Amino acid sequence: MVYEYVTYPDETLVTFSNIRKKENGDEYIRVCFERPTEHGFDTVVFELPSYNIIEKDGRYSEEEIEFFKQVVEHSAAYFYEVAREGGSRSA
């Protein structure tokens, strides 16, 4: 399941996954920032709880990526809460 969080004026759509489990049992959520381009998408994907970027493709600037990291850090508890509730809350 993927949940929509927000769409920014430049058409960047922020989505986050349900809670998933790794082989070792650790839980994680993926938070994706995607913006349509004429040749596909600009994409940055973070993984919680590590806050690591696990995918980066396209032309997002370092400033934009730093902003996205702040969004992920400030919204992590919300992402986990909504994912645990099965998306019953809206952003």
N, C-alpha and C. Protein backbone atom coordinates (compact mmCIF):
# COMPACT_ATOMS: atom_id res chain seq x y z
N MET A 1 0.85 -1.18 0.00
CA MET A 1 0.00 0.00 0.00
C MET A 1 0.90 1.24 0.00
N VAL A 2 0.48 2.24 -0.75
CA VAL A 2 1.18 3.52 -0.80
C VAL A 2 0.19 4.62 -0.44
N TYR A 3 0.64 5.54 0.40
CA TYR A 3 -0.20 6.64 0.86
C TYR A 3 0.34 7.96 0.33
N GLU A 4 -0.56 8.82 -0.14
CA GLU A 4 -0.14 10.15 -0.59
C GLU A 4 -0.03 11.06 0.62
N TYR A 5 1.02 11.89 0.62
CA TYR A 5 1.25 12.83 1.73
C TYR A 5 0.96 14.26 1.29
N VAL A 6 1.62 14.72 0.23
CA VAL A 6 1.45 16.10 -0.23
C VAL A 6 1.95 16.21 -1.67
N THR A 7 1.42 17.20 -2.39
CA THR A 7 1.96 17.57 -3.70
C THR A 7 2.39 19.02 -3.62
N TYR A 8 3.63 19.29 -3.99
CA TYR A 8 4.18 20.64 -3.95
C TYR A 8 3.89 21.36 -5.27
N PRO A 9 4.02 22.71 -5.29
CA PRO A 9 3.70 23.49 -6.50
C PRO A 9 4.48 23.06 -7.74
N ASP A 10 5.69 22.51 -7.58
CA ASP A 10 6.46 22.07 -8.75
C ASP A 10 6.04 20.68 -9.21
N GLU A 11 4.93 20.17 -8.67
CA GLU A 11 4.33 18.87 -8.99
C GLU A 11 5.06 17.69 -8.34
N THR A 12 5.98 17.96 -7.40
CA THR A 12 6.58 16.86 -6.64
C THR A 12 5.51 16.25 -5.77
N LEU A 13 5.31 14.96 -5.95
CA LEU A 13 4.35 14.19 -5.16
C LEU A 13 5.13 13.41 -4.12
N VAL A 14 4.68 13.50 -2.86
CA VAL A 14 5.32 12.77 -1.77
C VAL A 14 4.38 11.65 -1.35
N THR A 15 4.91 10.43 -1.39
CA THR A 15 4.14 9.26 -0.98
C THR A 15 4.98 8.47 0.02
N PHE A 16 4.30 7.60 0.79
CA PHE A 16 5.03 6.72 1.69
C PHE A 16 4.35 5.36 1.71
N SER A 17 5.16 4.37 1.99
CA SER A 17 4.69 2.98 1.93
C SER A 17 4.06 2.55 3.24
N ASN A 18 3.45 1.39 3.18
CA ASN A 18 3.04 0.75 4.41
C ASN A 18 4.30 0.29 5.14
N ILE A 19 4.14 -0.20 6.36
CA ILE A 19 5.28 -0.72 7.10
C ILE A 19 5.64 -2.08 6.52
N ARG A 20 6.91 -2.21 6.18
CA ARG A 20 7.42 -3.45 5.60
C ARG A 20 8.42 -4.05 6.57
N LYS A 21 8.74 -5.32 6.36
CA LYS A 21 9.73 -5.98 7.22
C LYS A 21 10.86 -6.53 6.37
N LYS A 22 12.08 -6.32 6.86
CA LYS A 22 13.25 -6.91 6.23
C LYS A 22 13.37 -8.36 6.68
N GLU A 23 14.26 -9.09 6.05
CA GLU A 23 14.46 -10.50 6.40
C GLU A 23 14.82 -10.68 7.87
N ASN A 24 15.51 -9.69 8.46
CA ASN A 24 15.90 -9.79 9.87
C ASN A 24 14.79 -9.36 10.82
N GLY A 25 13.63 -8.97 10.29
CA GLY A 25 12.49 -8.57 11.10
C GLY A 25 12.38 -7.09 11.36
N ASP A 26 13.38 -6.30 10.99
CA ASP A 26 13.33 -4.85 11.19
C ASP A 26 12.25 -4.23 10.30
N GLU A 27 11.49 -3.30 10.88
CA GLU A 27 10.46 -2.60 10.13
C GLU A 27 11.05 -1.39 9.42
N TYR A 28 10.47 -1.05 8.28
CA TYR A 28 10.89 0.14 7.57
C TYR A 28 9.74 0.70 6.74
N ILE A 29 9.87 1.96 6.39
CA ILE A 29 8.93 2.65 5.51
C ILE A 29 9.76 3.37 4.46
N ARG A 30 9.27 3.40 3.25
CA ARG A 30 9.91 4.16 2.18
C ARG A 30 9.10 5.41 1.90
N VAL A 31 9.79 6.54 1.79
CA VAL A 31 9.17 7.83 1.49
C VAL A 31 9.73 8.29 0.16
N CYS A 32 8.84 8.51 -0.81
CA CYS A 32 9.23 8.81 -2.18
C CYS A 32 8.82 10.22 -2.58
N PHE A 33 9.75 10.94 -3.19
CA PHE A 33 9.50 12.26 -3.76
C PHE A 33 9.68 12.10 -5.26
N GLU A 34 8.62 12.39 -6.03
CA GLU A 34 8.68 12.25 -7.49
C GLU A 34 8.06 13.46 -8.16
N ARG A 35 8.77 13.92 -9.20
CA ARG A 35 8.29 15.04 -10.00
C ARG A 35 8.32 14.63 -11.46
N PRO A 36 7.19 14.79 -12.17
CA PRO A 36 7.19 14.43 -13.59
C PRO A 36 8.08 15.38 -14.40
N THR A 37 8.74 14.82 -15.39
CA THR A 37 9.55 15.60 -16.33
C THR A 37 9.15 15.17 -17.74
N GLU A 38 9.68 15.82 -18.72
CA GLU A 38 9.34 15.43 -20.10
C GLU A 38 9.93 14.09 -20.49
N HIS A 39 10.89 13.58 -19.69
CA HIS A 39 11.53 12.30 -20.00
C HIS A 39 11.31 11.25 -18.91
N GLY A 40 10.36 11.45 -18.03
CA GLY A 40 10.11 10.49 -16.95
C GLY A 40 9.86 11.21 -15.63
N PHE A 41 10.69 10.92 -14.63
CA PHE A 41 10.51 11.49 -13.31
C PHE A 41 11.85 11.82 -12.67
N ASP A 42 11.86 12.89 -11.87
CA ASP A 42 12.93 13.10 -10.90
C ASP A 42 12.47 12.34 -9.65
N THR A 43 13.37 11.59 -9.03
CA THR A 43 12.97 10.73 -7.92
C THR A 43 14.03 10.73 -6.82
N VAL A 44 13.57 10.81 -5.58
CA VAL A 44 14.40 10.59 -4.40
C VAL A 44 13.58 9.74 -3.44
N VAL A 45 14.16 8.63 -2.97
CA VAL A 45 13.47 7.74 -2.05
C VAL A 45 14.31 7.59 -0.78
N PHE A 46 13.67 7.87 0.36
CA PHE A 46 14.29 7.70 1.66
C PHE A 46 13.73 6.45 2.32
N GLU A 47 14.53 5.87 3.21
CA GLU A 47 14.05 4.73 3.99
C GLU A 47 14.11 5.11 5.46
N LEU A 48 13.00 4.89 6.14
CA LEU A 48 12.93 5.09 7.59
C LEU A 48 13.08 3.74 8.27
N PRO A 49 13.67 3.64 9.40
CA PRO A 49 14.07 4.72 10.29
C PRO A 49 15.49 5.24 10.07
N SER A 50 16.22 4.78 9.07
CA SER A 50 17.61 5.19 8.87
C SER A 50 17.75 6.59 8.28
N TYR A 51 16.71 7.07 7.58
CA TYR A 51 16.74 8.35 6.86
C TYR A 51 17.73 8.34 5.70
N ASN A 52 18.20 7.17 5.31
CA ASN A 52 19.12 7.06 4.17
C ASN A 52 18.38 7.21 2.85
N ILE A 53 19.05 7.81 1.88
CA ILE A 53 18.53 7.85 0.52
C ILE A 53 18.88 6.52 -0.12
N ILE A 54 17.87 5.80 -0.59
CA ILE A 54 18.10 4.49 -1.19
C ILE A 54 17.95 4.52 -2.71
N GLU A 55 17.40 5.63 -3.22
CA GLU A 55 17.29 5.79 -4.67
C GLU A 55 17.31 7.27 -4.98
N LYS A 56 18.02 7.64 -6.03
CA LYS A 56 18.10 9.05 -6.45
C LYS A 56 18.31 9.06 -7.95
N ASP A 57 17.39 9.71 -8.66
CA ASP A 57 17.49 9.76 -10.11
C ASP A 57 16.87 11.07 -10.59
N GLY A 58 17.50 11.71 -11.51
CA GLY A 58 16.92 12.93 -12.06
C GLY A 58 17.66 14.18 -11.63
N ARG A 59 16.92 15.28 -11.62
CA ARG A 59 17.55 16.59 -11.47
C ARG A 59 17.14 17.36 -10.23
N TYR A 60 16.82 16.69 -9.15
CA TYR A 60 16.59 17.44 -7.92
C TYR A 60 17.91 18.06 -7.47
N SER A 61 17.86 19.32 -7.03
CA SER A 61 19.07 20.00 -6.54
C SER A 61 19.40 19.51 -5.13
N GLU A 62 20.62 19.78 -4.71
CA GLU A 62 21.02 19.43 -3.34
C GLU A 62 20.16 20.17 -2.31
N GLU A 63 19.76 21.39 -2.63
CA GLU A 63 18.89 22.16 -1.73
C GLU A 63 17.52 21.49 -1.61
N GLU A 64 16.99 21.03 -2.73
CA GLU A 64 15.70 20.33 -2.69
C GLU A 64 15.82 19.03 -1.89
N ILE A 65 16.88 18.29 -2.09
CA ILE A 65 17.07 17.04 -1.37
C ILE A 65 17.21 17.30 0.13
N GLU A 66 17.91 18.36 0.50
CA GLU A 66 18.03 18.70 1.93
C GLU A 66 16.66 19.05 2.51
N PHE A 67 15.84 19.77 1.75
CA PHE A 67 14.47 20.07 2.19
C PHE A 67 13.68 18.77 2.37
N PHE A 68 13.80 17.86 1.42
CA PHE A 68 13.09 16.58 1.52
C PHE A 68 13.52 15.82 2.77
N LYS A 69 14.81 15.84 3.06
CA LYS A 69 15.30 15.16 4.26
C LYS A 69 14.65 15.75 5.51
N GLN A 70 14.51 17.06 5.55
CA GLN A 70 13.86 17.71 6.69
C GLN A 70 12.39 17.29 6.78
N VAL A 71 11.72 17.20 5.64
CA VAL A 71 10.32 16.76 5.62
C VAL A 71 10.22 15.35 6.21
N VAL A 72 11.11 14.47 5.77
CA VAL A 72 11.09 13.08 6.25
C VAL A 72 11.35 13.03 7.75
N GLU A 73 12.35 13.78 8.21
CA GLU A 73 12.68 13.78 9.63
C GLU A 73 11.53 14.30 10.49
N HIS A 74 10.89 15.37 10.04
CA HIS A 74 9.81 15.98 10.82
C HIS A 74 8.49 15.20 10.74
N SER A 75 8.34 14.38 9.72
CA SER A 75 7.08 13.68 9.50
C SER A 75 7.15 12.18 9.79
N ALA A 76 8.28 11.68 10.22
CA ALA A 76 8.47 10.24 10.41
C ALA A 76 7.41 9.63 11.33
N ALA A 77 7.14 10.27 12.45
CA ALA A 77 6.15 9.72 13.38
C ALA A 77 4.77 9.65 12.72
N TYR A 78 4.44 10.65 11.95
CA TYR A 78 3.16 10.66 11.23
C TYR A 78 3.10 9.51 10.23
N PHE A 79 4.18 9.31 9.46
CA PHE A 79 4.20 8.23 8.48
C PHE A 79 3.97 6.88 9.15
N TYR A 80 4.65 6.64 10.27
CA TYR A 80 4.48 5.38 10.98
C TYR A 80 3.06 5.24 11.53
N GLU A 81 2.52 6.32 12.07
CA GLU A 81 1.16 6.27 12.64
C GLU A 81 0.12 5.93 11.57
N VAL A 82 0.19 6.62 10.45
CA VAL A 82 -0.78 6.38 9.37
C VAL A 82 -0.60 4.98 8.80
N ALA A 83 0.64 4.57 8.61
CA ALA A 83 0.90 3.23 8.06
C ALA A 83 0.37 2.15 9.01
N ARG A 84 0.53 2.35 10.31
CA ARG A 84 0.02 1.38 11.28
C ARG A 84 -1.51 1.33 11.28
N GLU A 85 -2.14 2.48 11.05
CA GLU A 85 -3.61 2.56 11.05
C GLU A 85 -4.21 2.18 9.70
N GLY A 86 -3.38 1.89 8.74
CA GLY A 86 -3.87 1.50 7.42
C GLY A 86 -4.38 2.64 6.60
N GLY A 87 -3.86 3.85 6.85
CA GLY A 87 -4.23 5.00 6.04
C GLY A 87 -5.53 5.67 6.40
N SER A 88 -6.00 5.46 7.61
CA SER A 88 -7.29 6.01 7.99
C SER A 88 -7.27 7.50 8.28
N ARG A 89 -6.08 8.11 8.35
CA ARG A 89 -5.96 9.56 8.56
C ARG A 89 -5.54 10.22 7.27
N SER A 90 -5.85 11.49 7.14
CA SER A 90 -5.38 12.23 5.96
C SER A 90 -4.32 13.23 6.39
N ALA A 91 -3.46 13.60 5.45
CA ALA A 91 -2.33 14.51 5.74
C ALA A 91 -2.79 15.91 6.03
